[in-house]
């Protein structure tokens, strides 16, 4: 209870009794000694005596920085009487005046303490309001993503290095692939919402394989499986193939040729064009690790083939995406992105519609937001086994891949980069600098732009395609640090706890990994 001063009934710093020490237990004396040492420490660390803040028991244990380190003491009765005697030259002191003065001092201390308690409550309310608001904002920011998870486990076994396309009738077709123990020869079909998955055939006529190419002719709706590896899993040696299979429904497959003239290969690039012709490029044969750099074309649905180039200018490589632009200023052009020839690359090669002429692209790189440099490489890290797509506007995108350096998620990437189509000449006459539109076009090299960190986990050996109706990109499957995946993601705005969890996991991985050396 409040005391009357250091020498009175209950003085002391905190208002508890200063007499009767013989009645205190050893624990109480130790507790008081600890409190005194803590008070002296606080007085030394933050000198706030002049502020006149009150001191109570709870502030020492809970939030000492919100109170003064010096106590708000009551008037001492004995000292007050001595002061009154001295002022009245030794005359008797009016005890009623003394009691009234002490009562007024106790009331002053009570009001003073109540005032700071109100301020303390207000401070706590403001602090928790701001903290909860900040947490809410962060939750909303991390929960919002430009990607939507259509299914976490779509029903087919997790796999990598498989084939996936969007068929003419709007169904997703998934063929083959591998996990850590086996190759797959099954064919699955599902809708664009990630539902209604059906296994069309358990083991197709072409057999189990991975690293093959799956193509879809948008005009006829026919599917093609080319090459791949029937071994290469576990203790089995690689067994690359050079056969071509065709199907109109994904169930029944017809052999077009058992041995194409090109070398047996896996992890190669393949595309079609508007005329239904098939193109393949590069890949990894059964000999060595360097890869191939030839280009072949078929005009009769894979029955016969002719060489377009036996030695393209890009290094012999494999595990790269090969894309044909379906629209934009450079419609029909071919793009080869990255890959590996024993060393991962981040170069981009642009080819003509036939794949016979290639040139290394130069890109703009922003240096510390102050100046630009132009280099013959992309802004993303060297990588292999990534996936790439292009939409009707000529926007080129690359996702994931296997890196040559280890990061927060191992050697796998979850990055998404995009490259806009070149701008054409202005249409308005006052914006033109010349009558020749070739001189009106912007000739500064394009710049790769990094998208926001997607909520899907880092992976390689994934597949991607674009819905031509909405220009939305889809990615599915692949291999990451947590194994082989069987999920499907669509590039569409979403807000949910899956995004929040994945982004918090990414932040934790980056923090725990520490700064890059």
Protein backbone atom coordinates (compact mmCIF):
# COMPACT_ATOMS: atom_id res chain seq x y z
CA UNK A 1 0.00 0.00 0.00
CA UNK A 2 1.16 3.60 -0.42
CA UNK A 3 3.63 4.60 2.30
CA UNK A 4 4.28 7.86 4.06
CA UNK A 5 7.94 8.25 3.17
CA UNK A 6 11.26 6.51 3.62
CA UNK A 7 11.14 6.89 7.39
CA UNK A 8 7.39 6.55 7.88
CA UNK A 9 5.11 3.57 8.01
CA UNK A 10 5.39 2.50 4.41
CA UNK A 11 7.87 4.61 2.43
CA UNK A 12 10.11 3.38 -0.31
CA UNK A 13 10.51 3.77 -3.98
CA UNK A 14 7.44 1.82 -5.00
CA UNK A 15 5.27 2.69 -2.04
CA UNK A 16 5.59 -0.59 -0.16
CA UNK A 17 6.62 -0.72 3.49
CA UNK A 18 10.15 0.18 4.51
CA UNK A 19 9.90 -1.02 8.15
CA UNK A 20 9.47 -4.49 9.49
CA UNK A 21 12.29 -6.04 7.57
CA UNK A 22 12.45 -8.82 10.10
CA UNK A 23 9.03 -10.01 8.98
CA UNK A 24 10.14 -10.35 5.29
CA UNK A 25 10.98 -13.75 3.93
CA UNK A 26 14.26 -14.45 2.14
CA UNK A 27 12.42 -14.62 -1.20
CA UNK A 28 10.84 -11.19 -0.61
CA UNK A 29 14.20 -9.61 0.23
CA UNK A 30 15.78 -11.11 -2.89
CA UNK A 31 12.83 -9.91 -4.97
CA UNK A 32 13.22 -6.39 -3.64
CA UNK A 33 16.97 -6.45 -4.28
CA UNK A 34 16.37 -7.52 -7.87
CA UNK A 35 13.85 -4.72 -8.34
CA UNK A 36 16.29 -2.16 -6.99
CA UNK A 37 19.05 -3.34 -9.29
CA UNK A 38 16.65 -3.24 -12.24
CA UNK A 39 15.57 0.30 -11.37
CA UNK A 40 19.19 1.46 -11.11
CA UNK A 41 19.92 -0.17 -14.46
CA UNK A 42 16.96 1.57 -16.07
CA UNK A 43 17.89 4.91 -14.53
CA UNK A 44 21.36 4.54 -15.97
CA UNK A 45 20.13 3.47 -19.44
CA UNK A 46 17.42 6.12 -19.87
CA UNK A 47 17.43 9.20 -17.67
CA UNK A 48 13.87 10.50 -17.57
CA UNK A 49 13.58 11.99 -14.08
CA UNK A 50 12.64 15.41 -15.41
CA UNK A 51 9.64 13.95 -17.26
CA UNK A 52 7.76 13.28 -14.05
CA UNK A 53 6.34 9.95 -15.19
CA UNK A 54 4.88 7.71 -12.46
CA UNK A 55 6.35 4.44 -11.38
CA UNK A 56 4.31 1.34 -10.53
CA UNK A 57 5.17 -2.30 -9.95
CA UNK A 58 3.96 -3.54 -13.31
CA UNK A 59 6.14 -1.18 -15.30
CA UNK A 60 9.34 -2.76 -14.01
CA UNK A 61 8.31 -6.23 -15.17
CA UNK A 62 6.36 -5.37 -18.32
CA UNK A 63 7.02 -2.10 -20.14
CA UNK A 64 9.56 0.00 -18.23
CA UNK A 65 10.32 2.25 -21.19
CA UNK A 66 6.82 3.75 -21.03
CA UNK A 67 7.42 5.05 -17.49
CA UNK A 68 10.00 7.13 -15.75
CA UNK A 69 12.87 5.38 -14.06
CA UNK A 70 12.45 7.67 -11.06
CA UNK A 71 9.49 7.10 -8.69
CA UNK A 72 6.62 9.51 -8.21
CA UNK A 73 6.99 9.68 -4.40
CA UNK A 74 4.45 10.84 -1.85
CA UNK A 75 5.31 13.57 0.64
CA UNK A 76 7.07 12.20 3.71
CA UNK A 77 5.08 13.02 6.90
CA UNK A 78 8.13 13.47 9.13
CA UNK A 79 9.91 15.65 6.59
CA UNK A 80 6.74 17.73 6.12
CA UNK A 81 6.42 18.29 9.90
CA UNK A 82 10.08 19.31 10.16
CA UNK A 83 9.62 21.76 7.28
CA UNK A 84 6.51 23.29 8.96
CA UNK A 85 8.31 23.61 12.30
CA UNK A 86 11.24 25.29 10.61
CA UNK A 87 8.92 27.67 8.79
CA UNK A 88 7.04 28.56 12.03
CA UNK A 89 10.25 29.00 14.08
CA UNK A 90 9.61 25.94 16.27
CA UNK A 91 5.96 26.56 17.04
CA UNK A 92 3.64 23.55 17.33
CA UNK A 93 2.47 22.23 14.00
CA UNK A 94 -1.18 22.04 13.10
CA UNK A 95 -1.62 18.28 12.51
CA UNK A 96 -4.92 18.88 10.70
CA UNK A 97 -2.98 20.91 8.12
CA UNK A 98 -0.43 18.12 7.84
CA UNK A 99 -3.10 15.47 7.25
CA UNK A 100 -4.88 17.69 4.74
CA UNK A 101 -1.58 18.28 2.88
CA UNK A 102 -0.78 14.55 2.80
CA UNK A 103 -4.31 13.76 1.62
CA UNK A 104 -4.01 16.33 -1.17
CA UNK A 105 -0.62 14.83 -2.16
CA UNK A 106 -2.10 11.33 -2.31
CA UNK A 107 -4.92 12.63 -4.49
CA UNK A 108 -2.39 14.36 -6.75
CA UNK A 109 -0.44 11.12 -7.17
CA UNK A 110 -3.61 9.13 -7.86
CA UNK A 111 -4.73 11.56 -10.57
CA UNK A 112 -1.24 11.66 -12.03
CA UNK A 113 -1.09 7.90 -12.22
CA UNK A 114 -4.57 7.62 -13.73
CA UNK A 115 -3.59 10.13 -16.41
CA UNK A 116 -0.60 8.02 -17.46
CA UNK A 117 -2.62 4.85 -17.33
CA UNK A 118 -5.02 6.42 -19.85
CA UNK A 119 -2.10 7.42 -22.01
CA UNK A 120 -0.70 3.91 -21.71
CA UNK A 121 -4.00 2.39 -22.85
CA UNK A 122 -4.18 4.82 -25.76
CA UNK A 123 -0.61 3.99 -26.74
CA UNK A 124 -1.33 0.25 -26.61
CA UNK A 125 -4.48 0.64 -28.69
CA UNK A 126 -2.64 2.72 -31.29
CA UNK A 127 0.28 0.28 -31.41
CA UNK A 128 -1.88 -2.81 -31.83
CA UNK A 129 -4.10 -1.05 -34.37
CA UNK A 130 -1.10 -0.11 -36.49
CA UNK A 131 0.46 -3.56 -36.06
CA UNK A 132 -2.73 -5.40 -36.99
CA UNK A 133 -3.29 -3.09 -39.95
CA UNK A 134 0.26 -3.70 -41.18
CA UNK A 135 -0.18 -7.45 -40.79
CA UNK A 136 -3.48 -7.27 -42.65
CA UNK A 137 -1.90 -5.31 -45.49
CA UNK A 138 0.98 -7.80 -45.74
CA UNK A 139 -1.44 -10.71 -45.73
CA UNK A 140 -3.47 -9.16 -48.54
CA UNK A 141 -0.32 -8.33 -50.54
CA UNK A 142 1.13 -11.82 -50.21
CA UNK A 143 -2.24 -13.52 -50.75
CA UNK A 144 -2.82 -11.69 -54.03
CA UNK A 145 -1.05 -13.30 -56.95
CA UNK A 146 -1.23 -13.10 -60.76
CA UNK A 147 -1.40 -16.92 -60.72
CA UNK A 148 -4.28 -19.22 -59.78
CA UNK A 149 -3.80 -22.81 -58.67
CA UNK A 150 -6.35 -24.91 -60.54
CA UNK A 151 -5.42 -28.18 -58.83
CA UNK A 152 -2.74 -29.15 -56.34
CA UNK A 153 -2.96 -32.88 -57.08
CA UNK A 154 -4.64 -33.28 -60.42
CA UNK A 155 -4.92 -37.05 -60.18
CA UNK A 156 -2.04 -38.11 -62.39
CA UNK A 157 1.28 -39.13 -60.78
CA UNK A 158 3.81 -36.36 -60.31
CA UNK A 159 6.34 -36.22 -63.14
CA UNK A 160 8.86 -34.18 -65.12
CA UNK A 161 10.15 -34.08 -68.72
CA UNK A 162 6.74 -35.01 -70.12
CA UNK A 163 4.61 -33.58 -72.92
CA UNK A 164 1.58 -31.33 -72.47
CA UNK A 165 -0.46 -29.35 -75.00
CA UNK A 166 -3.86 -27.72 -75.30
CA UNK A 167 -5.80 -29.58 -77.97
CA UNK A 168 -8.03 -28.05 -80.61
CA UNK A 169 -11.18 -28.83 -78.60
CA UNK A 170 -9.80 -27.07 -75.50
CA UNK A 171 -8.68 -30.15 -73.55
CA UNK A 172 -5.30 -30.47 -71.83
CA UNK A 173 -3.42 -33.54 -73.09
CA UNK A 174 -0.57 -34.90 -70.97
CA UNK A 175 1.70 -37.67 -72.26
CA UNK A 176 4.52 -39.70 -70.68
CA UNK A 177 7.30 -38.33 -68.49
CA UNK A 178 9.28 -39.73 -65.59
CA UNK A 179 9.69 -39.64 -61.84
CA UNK A 180 12.58 -40.90 -59.74
CA UNK A 181 11.95 -44.59 -60.40
CA UNK A 182 10.14 -45.08 -63.72
CA UNK A 183 9.09 -43.75 -67.10
CA UNK A 184 5.42 -43.19 -67.88
CA UNK A 185 3.61 -44.21 -71.04
CA UNK A 186 0.13 -43.04 -70.04
CA UNK A 187 -2.03 -40.35 -71.65
CA UNK A 188 -4.25 -38.05 -69.55
CA UNK A 189 -6.92 -35.53 -70.52
CA UNK A 190 -8.45 -32.73 -68.46
CA UNK A 191 -10.31 -29.46 -68.97
CA UNK A 192 -8.83 -25.97 -68.70
CA UNK A 193 -10.22 -25.55 -65.18
CA UNK A 194 -8.00 -28.36 -63.93
CA UNK A 195 -10.93 -30.72 -63.37
CA UNK A 196 -12.34 -33.83 -65.02
CA UNK A 197 -9.01 -35.60 -65.47
CA UNK A 198 -9.28 -38.96 -67.25
CA UNK A 199 -6.60 -41.46 -68.13
CA UNK A 200 -7.18 -42.16 -71.81
CA UNK A 201 -4.70 -45.03 -71.97
CA UNK A 202 -2.46 -46.61 -69.33
CA UNK A 203 0.42 -47.43 -71.69
CA UNK A 204 0.17 -46.06 -75.23
CA UNK A 205 1.57 -47.85 -78.28
CA UNK A 206 4.72 -45.75 -78.24
CA UNK A 207 5.63 -47.07 -74.77
CA UNK A 208 6.91 -45.39 -71.63
CA UNK A 209 9.37 -42.55 -72.25
CA UNK A 210 10.49 -39.11 -71.13
CA UNK A 211 12.25 -36.16 -72.75
CA UNK A 212 10.07 -36.49 -75.85
CA UNK A 213 8.13 -33.81 -77.73
CA UNK A 214 4.33 -33.61 -77.86
CA UNK A 215 2.89 -31.39 -80.62
CA UNK A 216 -0.66 -30.44 -81.54
CA UNK A 217 -1.74 -29.36 -85.02
CA UNK A 218 -4.23 -26.55 -84.38
CA UNK A 219 -5.78 -27.00 -87.83
CA UNK A 220 -6.47 -30.75 -87.81
CA UNK A 221 -6.39 -31.35 -84.05
CA UNK A 222 -3.95 -34.26 -84.46
CA UNK A 223 -1.34 -35.06 -81.79
CA UNK A 224 2.27 -36.11 -82.44
CA UNK A 225 4.85 -37.77 -80.18
CA UNK A 226 8.46 -37.55 -81.35
CA UNK A 227 11.63 -39.14 -79.99
CA UNK A 228 12.39 -39.26 -76.27
CA UNK A 229 14.17 -41.69 -73.97
CA UNK A 230 12.81 -45.12 -73.01
CA UNK A 231 15.56 -45.62 -70.40
CA UNK A 232 17.60 -43.18 -68.35
CA UNK A 233 15.78 -43.84 -65.05
CA UNK A 234 17.38 -45.49 -62.04
CA UNK A 235 20.01 -48.01 -63.13
CA UNK A 236 18.81 -48.13 -66.74
CA UNK A 237 21.06 -46.61 -69.39
CA UNK A 238 19.62 -43.93 -71.70
CA UNK A 239 17.81 -45.32 -74.73
CA UNK A 240 16.97 -42.35 -77.00
CA UNK A 241 14.43 -42.87 -79.78
CA UNK A 242 13.81 -41.37 -83.23
CA UNK A 243 10.29 -42.61 -83.97
CA UNK A 244 7.19 -40.48 -84.71
CA UNK A 245 3.63 -41.33 -83.63
CA UNK A 246 0.31 -39.70 -84.54
CA UNK A 247 -3.13 -39.74 -82.89
CA UNK A 248 -6.44 -38.02 -83.51
CA UNK A 249 -7.98 -38.71 -80.08
CA UNK A 250 -5.08 -39.39 -77.68
CA UNK A 251 -6.12 -43.04 -77.28
CA UNK A 252 -5.15 -44.68 -80.55
CA UNK A 253 -1.64 -43.99 -81.79
CA UNK A 254 -0.32 -44.79 -85.28
CA UNK A 255 3.37 -45.15 -86.05
CA UNK A 256 4.40 -42.65 -88.74
CA UNK A 257 8.01 -43.77 -88.96
CA UNK A 258 10.03 -46.09 -86.74
CA UNK A 259 13.34 -44.46 -87.60
CA UNK A 260 13.45 -40.88 -88.77
CA UNK A 261 16.64 -39.75 -90.57
CA UNK A 262 17.62 -37.50 -87.67
CA UNK A 263 19.70 -38.90 -84.80
CA UNK A 264 17.84 -40.43 -81.86
CA UNK A 265 17.44 -37.75 -79.20
CA UNK A 266 15.76 -36.50 -76.03
CA UNK A 267 15.30 -33.08 -74.40
CA UNK A 268 15.00 -31.35 -77.80
CA UNK A 269 12.84 -28.52 -79.09
CA UNK A 270 9.87 -29.01 -81.41
CA UNK A 271 7.19 -26.74 -82.93
CA UNK A 272 4.57 -26.68 -85.66
CA UNK A 273 3.47 -23.92 -88.02
CA UNK A 274 0.15 -22.80 -89.49
CA UNK A 275 0.52 -25.28 -92.35
CA UNK A 276 0.86 -28.24 -89.96
CA UNK A 277 4.55 -28.83 -90.66
CA UNK A 278 6.68 -30.32 -87.88
CA UNK A 279 10.06 -28.89 -86.84
CA UNK A 280 12.63 -30.27 -84.39
CA UNK A 281 15.92 -28.73 -83.23
CA UNK A 282 18.86 -29.76 -81.08
CA UNK A 283 18.57 -32.21 -78.20
CA UNK A 284 20.71 -34.78 -76.44
CA UNK A 285 21.70 -37.98 -78.20
CA UNK A 286 22.91 -41.14 -76.53
CA UNK A 287 26.55 -40.09 -76.83
CA UNK A 288 28.18 -37.49 -74.60
CA UNK A 289 26.55 -34.54 -72.89
CA UNK A 290 27.08 -31.77 -75.43
CA UNK A 291 23.92 -32.18 -77.45
CA UNK A 292 22.97 -31.48 -81.06
CA UNK A 293 22.42 -28.33 -83.11
CA UNK A 294 20.66 -29.60 -86.23
CA UNK A 295 17.18 -28.63 -87.48
CA UNK A 296 14.76 -30.90 -89.33
CA UNK A 297 11.37 -30.38 -90.96
CA UNK A 298 8.51 -32.69 -92.00
CA UNK A 299 5.69 -31.67 -94.35
CA UNK A 300 3.75 -34.97 -94.29
CA UNK A 301 2.92 -35.41 -90.60
CA UNK A 302 6.27 -36.91 -89.63
CA UNK A 303 6.52 -39.64 -92.28
CA UNK A 304 9.47 -38.12 -94.14
CA UNK A 305 11.98 -35.52 -92.99
CA UNK A 306 14.45 -33.15 -94.58
CA UNK A 307 17.35 -31.33 -92.95
CA UNK A 308 16.99 -27.56 -92.71
CA UNK A 309 20.39 -27.05 -91.08
CA UNK A 310 22.86 -29.66 -89.90
CA UNK A 311 24.88 -27.16 -87.87
CA UNK A 312 23.02 -24.10 -86.62
CA UNK A 313 25.11 -21.16 -85.30
CA UNK A 314 24.07 -21.77 -81.71
CA UNK A 315 26.15 -24.29 -79.75
CA UNK A 316 25.05 -27.93 -79.71
CA UNK A 317 22.73 -28.10 -76.71
CA UNK A 318 19.65 -29.64 -75.14
CA UNK A 319 16.94 -28.94 -72.54
CA UNK A 320 15.84 -25.64 -74.04
CA UNK A 321 12.40 -24.31 -75.05
CA UNK A 322 11.78 -23.69 -78.75
CA UNK A 323 8.93 -21.26 -79.45
CA UNK A 324 7.20 -19.99 -82.58
CA UNK A 325 5.52 -16.59 -82.15
CA UNK A 326 1.80 -16.86 -83.01
CA UNK A 327 1.37 -13.09 -83.31
CA UNK A 328 2.93 -9.67 -82.85
CA UNK A 329 5.34 -7.80 -85.10
CA UNK A 330 7.49 -10.89 -85.63
CA UNK A 331 4.77 -13.47 -86.16
CA UNK A 332 6.08 -16.86 -87.22
CA UNK A 333 9.65 -16.30 -86.00
CA UNK A 334 11.40 -19.03 -83.99
CA UNK A 335 13.04 -18.42 -80.62
CA UNK A 336 15.49 -20.68 -78.81
CA UNK A 337 16.04 -19.78 -75.14
CA UNK A 338 18.94 -20.94 -72.99
CA UNK A 339 19.61 -24.65 -72.54
CA UNK A 340 22.83 -26.45 -71.72
CA UNK A 341 25.78 -27.87 -73.63
CA UNK A 342 27.51 -28.95 -70.44
CA UNK A 343 27.23 -25.36 -69.21
CA UNK A 344 23.90 -23.61 -68.79
CA UNK A 345 23.20 -20.62 -71.08
CA UNK A 346 21.04 -17.52 -70.98
CA UNK A 347 21.33 -16.49 -74.61
CA UNK A 348 18.34 -16.13 -76.93
CA UNK A 349 18.52 -16.97 -80.63
CA UNK A 350 16.00 -15.71 -83.18
CA UNK A 351 15.36 -17.74 -86.33
CA UNK A 352 13.27 -17.20 -89.42
CA UNK A 353 10.05 -19.12 -90.04
CA UNK A 354 11.94 -22.00 -91.71
CA UNK A 355 14.66 -22.25 -89.05
CA UNK A 356 17.40 -21.83 -91.65
CA UNK A 357 18.74 -18.43 -90.56
CA UNK A 358 19.56 -17.57 -86.92
CA UNK A 359 20.88 -14.50 -85.11
CA UNK A 360 21.93 -13.93 -81.51
CA UNK A 361 19.68 -11.34 -79.86
CA UNK A 362 20.94 -8.32 -77.94
CA UNK A 363 19.02 -7.02 -74.94
CA UNK A 364 18.96 -3.89 -72.82
CA UNK A 365 20.19 -4.21 -69.23
CA UNK A 366 19.47 -1.50 -66.67
CA UNK A 367 22.49 -0.74 -64.48
CA UNK A 368 21.65 0.63 -61.03
CA UNK A 369 18.69 2.55 -62.49
CA UNK A 370 21.14 5.08 -63.95
CA UNK A 371 22.29 3.86 -67.37
CA UNK A 372 21.64 1.09 -69.87
CA UNK A 373 23.99 -1.42 -71.40
CA UNK A 374 23.40 -3.73 -74.35
CA UNK A 375 24.57 -7.32 -74.10
CA UNK A 376 24.10 -10.53 -76.08
CA UNK A 377 22.36 -12.32 -73.23
CA UNK A 378 19.06 -12.24 -71.38
CA UNK A 379 18.58 -10.79 -67.90
CA UNK A 380 17.66 -14.11 -66.33
CA UNK A 381 20.21 -16.56 -64.95
CA UNK A 382 21.60 -19.34 -67.14
CA UNK A 383 19.19 -22.27 -67.01
CA UNK A 384 18.06 -25.51 -68.59
CA UNK A 385 14.85 -27.55 -68.53
CA UNK A 386 12.71 -24.40 -68.39
CA UNK A 387 9.38 -23.78 -70.13
CA UNK A 388 8.42 -20.92 -72.44
CA UNK A 389 5.28 -19.71 -74.22
CA UNK A 390 4.23 -16.89 -76.54
CA UNK A 391 0.79 -15.31 -76.90
CA UNK A 392 -1.08 -13.74 -79.82
CA UNK A 393 0.49 -10.32 -79.11
CA UNK A 394 4.01 -11.69 -79.47
CA UNK A 395 4.73 -11.56 -75.73
CA UNK A 396 7.41 -14.14 -74.93
CA UNK A 397 7.52 -15.67 -71.43
CA UNK A 398 9.89 -18.11 -69.73
CA UNK A 399 9.20 -19.98 -66.47
CA UNK A 400 11.28 -21.94 -63.96
CA UNK A 401 14.22 -24.11 -64.96
CA UNK A 402 17.32 -25.68 -63.49
CA UNK A 403 20.05 -23.19 -62.58
CA UNK A 404 23.81 -23.62 -62.58
CA UNK A 405 24.11 -22.03 -59.14
CA UNK A 406 22.36 -22.99 -55.92
CA UNK A 407 19.75 -20.63 -54.48
CA UNK A 408 17.16 -20.63 -51.68
CA UNK A 409 15.29 -23.48 -53.39
CA UNK A 410 18.27 -25.53 -54.46
CA UNK A 411 19.19 -25.45 -58.13
CA UNK A 412 15.59 -24.85 -59.19
CA UNK A 413 13.99 -21.55 -60.20
CA UNK A 414 10.48 -20.18 -59.73
CA UNK A 415 11.09 -17.01 -61.74
CA UNK A 416 8.81 -15.75 -64.48
CA UNK A 417 10.27 -13.39 -67.11
CA UNK A 418 8.66 -11.81 -70.15
CA UNK A 419 9.81 -10.03 -73.30
CA UNK A 420 7.45 -7.72 -75.15
CA UNK A 421 7.10 -7.77 -78.90
CA UNK A 422 8.95 -4.98 -80.76
CA UNK A 423 6.96 -1.84 -81.36
CA UNK A 424 5.89 -1.08 -84.90
CA UNK A 425 6.04 2.20 -86.72
CA UNK A 426 3.57 4.87 -85.46
CA UNK A 427 0.35 5.17 -87.41
CA UNK A 428 -0.22 8.92 -86.98
CA UNK A 429 1.54 11.12 -89.52
CA UNK A 430 2.80 13.64 -86.93
CA UNK A 431 4.60 10.86 -85.02
CA UNK A 432 6.57 9.73 -88.05
CA UNK A 433 10.07 10.97 -88.68
CA UNK A 434 10.34 9.67 -92.23
CA UNK A 435 8.21 8.37 -95.07
CA UNK A 436 10.08 5.09 -94.79
CA UNK A 437 8.47 3.19 -91.89
CA UNK A 438 11.67 1.20 -91.36
CA UNK A 439 13.23 4.42 -90.06
CA UNK A 440 10.28 5.12 -87.78
CA UNK A 441 10.59 1.91 -85.80
CA UNK A 442 12.27 1.77 -82.41
CA UNK A 443 15.65 0.07 -82.72
CA UNK A 444 16.76 0.08 -79.06
CA UNK A 445 17.18 -3.55 -77.91
CA UNK A 446 14.32 -4.97 -75.92
CA UNK A 447 14.55 -5.56 -72.17
CA UNK A 448 13.44 -8.65 -70.25
CA UNK A 449 11.10 -7.83 -67.39
CA UNK A 450 10.92 -9.95 -64.24
CA UNK A 451 7.42 -10.68 -63.03
CA UNK A 452 6.40 -10.83 -59.39
CA UNK A 453 7.45 -13.97 -57.55
CA UNK A 454 4.82 -16.56 -58.48
CA UNK A 455 3.24 -18.67 -55.71
CA UNK A 456 4.14 -21.96 -57.36
CA UNK A 457 7.29 -23.59 -56.05
CA UNK A 458 10.60 -23.69 -57.94
CA UNK A 459 10.84 -26.45 -60.52
CA UNK A 460 12.46 -27.74 -63.69
CA UNK A 461 11.27 -30.15 -66.36
CA UNK A 462 7.85 -28.48 -66.30
CA UNK A 463 5.54 -27.85 -69.26
CA UNK A 464 3.70 -24.69 -70.29
CA UNK A 465 1.18 -23.68 -72.95
CA UNK A 466 -1.08 -20.74 -73.79
CA UNK A 467 -4.83 -20.67 -74.19
CA UNK A 468 -5.32 -18.89 -77.54
CA UNK A 469 -8.76 -17.64 -76.48
CA UNK A 470 -7.57 -15.68 -73.43
CA UNK A 471 -3.77 -15.54 -73.94
CA UNK A 472 -3.42 -16.97 -70.43
CA UNK A 473 -0.35 -19.08 -69.71
CA UNK A 474 -0.57 -22.45 -67.94
CA UNK A 475 2.21 -24.39 -66.24
CA UNK A 476 2.05 -27.91 -64.82
CA UNK A 477 4.21 -30.61 -63.29
CA UNK A 478 7.98 -30.60 -63.00
CA UNK A 479 10.58 -31.51 -60.42
CA UNK A 480 11.55 -29.45 -57.38
CA UNK A 481 13.27 -29.83 -54.04
CA UNK A 482 10.12 -31.45 -52.66
CA UNK A 483 9.90 -34.08 -55.41
CA UNK A 484 7.84 -34.48 -58.56
CA UNK A 485 4.73 -32.36 -58.95
CA UNK A 486 1.23 -33.00 -60.26
CA UNK A 487 -0.22 -29.48 -60.02
CA UNK A 488 -1.68 -27.06 -62.58
CA UNK A 489 -1.44 -23.25 -62.46
CA UNK A 490 -3.04 -20.59 -64.63
CA UNK A 491 -1.87 -17.03 -65.12
CA UNK A 492 -4.91 -15.29 -63.64
CA UNK A 493 -5.39 -13.02 -60.62
CA UNK A 494 -6.26 -14.83 -57.38
CA UNK A 495 -6.32 -14.22 -53.62
CA UNK A 496 -6.16 -17.20 -51.28
CA UNK A 497 -4.16 -18.75 -48.45
CA UNK A 498 -2.21 -21.00 -50.83
CA UNK A 499 -0.52 -17.91 -52.26
CA UNK A 500 0.11 -16.58 -48.75
CA UNK A 501 1.66 -19.83 -47.55
CA UNK A 502 3.89 -20.22 -50.60
CA UNK A 503 5.13 -16.63 -50.46
CA UNK A 504 5.88 -16.84 -46.72
CA UNK A 505 7.74 -20.07 -47.39
CA UNK A 506 9.77 -18.33 -50.10
CA UNK A 507 10.60 -15.44 -47.75
CA UNK A 508 11.70 -17.89 -45.07
CA UNK A 509 13.90 -19.76 -47.53
CA UNK A 510 15.55 -16.55 -48.68
CA UNK A 511 16.10 -15.30 -45.13
CA UNK A 512 17.46 -18.63 -43.94
CA UNK A 513 19.74 -18.89 -46.98
CA UNK A 514 21.38 -15.59 -46.06
CA UNK A 515 23.02 -13.10 -48.42
CA UNK A 516 24.65 -14.32 -51.61
CA UNK A 517 28.38 -14.75 -51.50
